[in-house]
Amino acid sequence: MEQAICADPQLGALDRQIAETYTKLLNNTGGRTADALRRAQRDFVMARNAGYGKPGYDLRLALQKRLDTLQTAAR
């Protein structure tokens, strides 16, 4: 999974944006909100890893949707 993301500049950029936005959100929240954010991120990573390589799975779309979700929460 990580090799696929790092090998593609667009995927790598999305992954970095996700990491930056997630870290920003985590640093600006606490308690149960931070716990929920951590769970959601773990769930995303697990689903991403499970879906990768399966017919019809679009890694770029999955990363973009996660970024969109995080950016919406950061507003």
N, C-alpha and C. Protein backbone atom coordinates (compact mmCIF):
# COMPACT_ATOMS: atom_id res chain seq x y z
N MET A 1 0.82 -1.18 0.00
CA MET A 1 0.00 0.00 0.00
C MET A 1 0.87 1.25 0.00
N GLU A 2 1.79 1.34 0.93
CA GLU A 2 2.63 2.53 1.03
C GLU A 2 3.47 2.72 -0.23
N GLN A 3 3.93 1.62 -0.82
CA GLN A 3 4.72 1.71 -2.04
C GLN A 3 3.88 2.29 -3.18
N ALA A 4 2.63 1.86 -3.27
CA ALA A 4 1.74 2.36 -4.32
C ALA A 4 1.52 3.86 -4.15
N ILE A 5 1.33 4.30 -2.93
CA ILE A 5 1.09 5.72 -2.66
C ILE A 5 2.35 6.52 -2.96
N CYS A 6 3.49 6.05 -2.51
CA CYS A 6 4.74 6.79 -2.71
C CYS A 6 5.19 6.79 -4.16
N ALA A 7 4.80 5.79 -4.92
CA ALA A 7 5.21 5.69 -6.32
C ALA A 7 4.44 6.66 -7.22
N ASP A 8 3.32 7.15 -6.77
CA ASP A 8 2.48 8.04 -7.57
C ASP A 8 2.47 9.43 -6.92
N PRO A 9 2.99 10.44 -7.60
CA PRO A 9 3.05 11.78 -7.01
C PRO A 9 1.70 12.32 -6.56
N GLN A 10 0.65 12.06 -7.30
CA GLN A 10 -0.68 12.55 -6.92
C GLN A 10 -1.18 11.85 -5.65
N LEU A 11 -0.99 10.56 -5.58
CA LEU A 11 -1.39 9.83 -4.38
C LEU A 11 -0.57 10.26 -3.18
N GLY A 12 0.72 10.46 -3.40
CA GLY A 12 1.59 10.92 -2.33
C GLY A 12 1.16 12.27 -1.79
N ALA A 13 0.78 13.17 -2.70
CA ALA A 13 0.33 14.49 -2.29
C ALA A 13 -0.96 14.40 -1.48
N LEU A 14 -1.89 13.56 -1.92
CA LEU A 14 -3.13 13.37 -1.17
C LEU A 14 -2.84 12.80 0.21
N ASP A 15 -1.95 11.82 0.27
CA ASP A 15 -1.60 11.20 1.54
C ASP A 15 -0.99 12.22 2.50
N ARG A 16 -0.11 13.08 1.99
CA ARG A 16 0.49 14.12 2.84
C ARG A 16 -0.56 15.11 3.34
N GLN A 17 -1.49 15.48 2.47
CA GLN A 17 -2.55 16.41 2.87
C GLN A 17 -3.44 15.78 3.94
N ILE A 18 -3.73 14.50 3.79
CA ILE A 18 -4.52 13.79 4.79
C ILE A 18 -3.79 13.82 6.13
N ALA A 19 -2.51 13.49 6.11
CA ALA A 19 -1.72 13.45 7.35
C ALA A 19 -1.67 14.83 8.01
N GLU A 20 -1.45 15.86 7.22
CA GLU A 20 -1.38 17.22 7.77
C GLU A 20 -2.71 17.67 8.36
N THR A 21 -3.79 17.41 7.64
CA THR A 21 -5.11 17.83 8.11
C THR A 21 -5.53 17.03 9.34
N TYR A 22 -5.25 15.73 9.33
CA TYR A 22 -5.56 14.88 10.48
C TYR A 22 -4.80 15.36 11.71
N THR A 23 -3.52 15.65 11.56
CA THR A 23 -2.70 16.10 12.69
C THR A 23 -3.22 17.45 13.21
N LYS A 24 -3.56 18.34 12.32
CA LYS A 24 -4.10 19.64 12.71
C LYS A 24 -5.38 19.47 13.52
N LEU A 25 -6.28 18.64 13.02
CA LEU A 25 -7.53 18.39 13.73
C LEU A 25 -7.28 17.77 15.10
N LEU A 26 -6.41 16.79 15.14
CA LEU A 26 -6.11 16.10 16.39
C LEU A 26 -5.53 17.06 17.42
N ASN A 27 -4.67 17.96 16.97
CA ASN A 27 -4.06 18.93 17.88
C ASN A 27 -5.06 19.98 18.38
N ASN A 28 -6.13 20.17 17.65
CA ASN A 28 -7.12 21.18 18.02
C ASN A 28 -8.35 20.61 18.72
N THR A 29 -8.32 19.32 19.01
CA THR A 29 -9.45 18.70 19.69
C THR A 29 -8.94 17.94 20.90
N GLY A 30 -9.83 17.47 21.67
CA GLY A 30 -9.46 16.69 22.84
C GLY A 30 -10.56 15.75 23.23
N GLY A 31 -10.29 14.97 24.22
CA GLY A 31 -11.30 14.09 24.80
C GLY A 31 -11.94 13.14 23.81
N ARG A 32 -13.24 13.06 23.89
CA ARG A 32 -13.99 12.12 23.06
C ARG A 32 -13.91 12.45 21.58
N THR A 33 -13.82 13.73 21.26
CA THR A 33 -13.71 14.12 19.85
C THR A 33 -12.41 13.59 19.27
N ALA A 34 -11.32 13.73 19.99
CA ALA A 34 -10.03 13.21 19.52
C ALA A 34 -10.07 11.69 19.42
N ASP A 35 -10.71 11.04 20.37
CA ASP A 35 -10.83 9.58 20.32
C ASP A 35 -11.61 9.14 19.09
N ALA A 36 -12.71 9.84 18.80
CA ALA A 36 -13.52 9.52 17.63
C ALA A 36 -12.74 9.76 16.34
N LEU A 37 -11.95 10.81 16.31
CA LEU A 37 -11.14 11.10 15.14
C LEU A 37 -10.10 10.00 14.92
N ARG A 38 -9.47 9.56 16.00
CA ARG A 38 -8.49 8.46 15.89
C ARG A 38 -9.15 7.18 15.38
N ARG A 39 -10.33 6.87 15.91
CA ARG A 39 -11.05 5.66 15.46
C ARG A 39 -11.40 5.77 13.98
N ALA A 40 -11.88 6.94 13.57
CA ALA A 40 -12.26 7.13 12.17
C ALA A 40 -11.04 6.99 11.26
N GLN A 41 -9.90 7.48 11.69
CA GLN A 41 -8.69 7.36 10.88
C GLN A 41 -8.24 5.91 10.79
N ARG A 42 -8.29 5.21 11.92
CA ARG A 42 -7.93 3.77 11.89
C ARG A 42 -8.88 3.01 10.97
N ASP A 43 -10.17 3.31 11.05
CA ASP A 43 -11.15 2.64 10.19
C ASP A 43 -10.88 2.93 8.72
N PHE A 44 -10.53 4.18 8.42
CA PHE A 44 -10.21 4.54 7.05
C PHE A 44 -9.01 3.75 6.55
N VAL A 45 -7.95 3.71 7.33
CA VAL A 45 -6.73 3.00 6.92
C VAL A 45 -7.02 1.51 6.72
N MET A 46 -7.78 0.93 7.62
CA MET A 46 -8.12 -0.50 7.49
C MET A 46 -8.93 -0.75 6.23
N ALA A 47 -9.93 0.10 5.95
CA ALA A 47 -10.76 -0.07 4.76
C ALA A 47 -9.94 0.16 3.49
N ARG A 48 -9.06 1.17 3.54
CA ARG A 48 -8.19 1.44 2.39
C ARG A 48 -7.31 0.24 2.09
N ASN A 49 -6.69 -0.29 3.11
CA ASN A 49 -5.80 -1.44 2.92
C ASN A 49 -6.56 -2.67 2.46
N ALA A 50 -7.75 -2.88 2.99
CA ALA A 50 -8.55 -4.05 2.60
C ALA A 50 -9.06 -3.92 1.16
N GLY A 51 -9.36 -2.71 0.73
CA GLY A 51 -9.92 -2.52 -0.60
C GLY A 51 -8.89 -2.47 -1.71
N TYR A 52 -7.67 -2.08 -1.36
CA TYR A 52 -6.65 -1.89 -2.38
C TYR A 52 -6.40 -3.19 -3.16
N GLY A 53 -6.41 -3.06 -4.47
CA GLY A 53 -6.15 -4.21 -5.33
C GLY A 53 -7.38 -5.00 -5.72
N LYS A 54 -8.50 -4.70 -5.09
CA LYS A 54 -9.74 -5.40 -5.43
C LYS A 54 -10.38 -4.73 -6.64
N PRO A 55 -11.08 -5.52 -7.45
CA PRO A 55 -11.74 -4.95 -8.63
C PRO A 55 -12.69 -3.81 -8.23
N GLY A 56 -12.59 -2.71 -8.94
CA GLY A 56 -13.47 -1.58 -8.71
C GLY A 56 -13.00 -0.62 -7.62
N TYR A 57 -11.94 -0.97 -6.90
CA TYR A 57 -11.46 -0.08 -5.84
C TYR A 57 -10.61 1.02 -6.45
N ASP A 58 -10.92 2.24 -6.10
CA ASP A 58 -10.21 3.40 -6.61
C ASP A 58 -9.48 4.08 -5.45
N LEU A 59 -8.20 3.83 -5.35
CA LEU A 59 -7.40 4.36 -4.25
C LEU A 59 -7.41 5.88 -4.25
N ARG A 60 -7.27 6.47 -5.41
CA ARG A 60 -7.26 7.93 -5.51
C ARG A 60 -8.57 8.51 -4.99
N LEU A 61 -9.67 7.91 -5.37
CA LEU A 61 -10.98 8.38 -4.90
C LEU A 61 -11.13 8.21 -3.40
N ALA A 62 -10.66 7.09 -2.87
CA ALA A 62 -10.74 6.85 -1.42
C ALA A 62 -9.95 7.90 -0.65
N LEU A 63 -8.74 8.20 -1.14
CA LEU A 63 -7.92 9.21 -0.48
C LEU A 63 -8.57 10.59 -0.58
N GLN A 64 -9.11 10.92 -1.75
CA GLN A 64 -9.74 12.22 -1.92
C GLN A 64 -10.95 12.37 -1.01
N LYS A 65 -11.75 11.33 -0.90
CA LYS A 65 -12.92 11.39 -0.01
C LYS A 65 -12.51 11.58 1.44
N ARG A 66 -11.45 10.89 1.86
CA ARG A 66 -10.99 11.05 3.25
C ARG A 66 -10.48 12.46 3.48
N LEU A 67 -9.74 13.00 2.53
CA LEU A 67 -9.26 14.37 2.65
C LEU A 67 -10.43 15.34 2.73
N ASP A 68 -11.42 15.15 1.88
CA ASP A 68 -12.59 16.02 1.89
C ASP A 68 -13.29 15.98 3.26
N THR A 69 -13.42 14.80 3.82
CA THR A 69 -14.06 14.63 5.12
C THR A 69 -13.27 15.38 6.20
N LEU A 70 -11.97 15.21 6.19
CA LEU A 70 -11.13 15.87 7.19
C LEU A 70 -11.16 17.38 7.02
N GLN A 71 -11.10 17.85 5.78
CA GLN A 71 -11.12 19.29 5.54
C GLN A 71 -12.45 19.90 5.97
N THR A 72 -13.53 19.20 5.76
CA THR A 72 -14.84 19.69 6.20
C THR A 72 -14.87 19.80 7.72
N ALA A 73 -14.32 18.81 8.39
CA ALA A 73 -14.29 18.83 9.86
C ALA A 73 -13.40 19.94 10.39
N ALA A 74 -12.39 20.32 9.61
CA ALA A 74 -11.44 21.35 10.06
C ALA A 74 -12.01 22.76 9.93
N ARG A 75 -13.10 22.90 9.22
CA ARG A 75 -13.68 24.25 9.01
C ARG A 75 -14.43 24.73 10.20
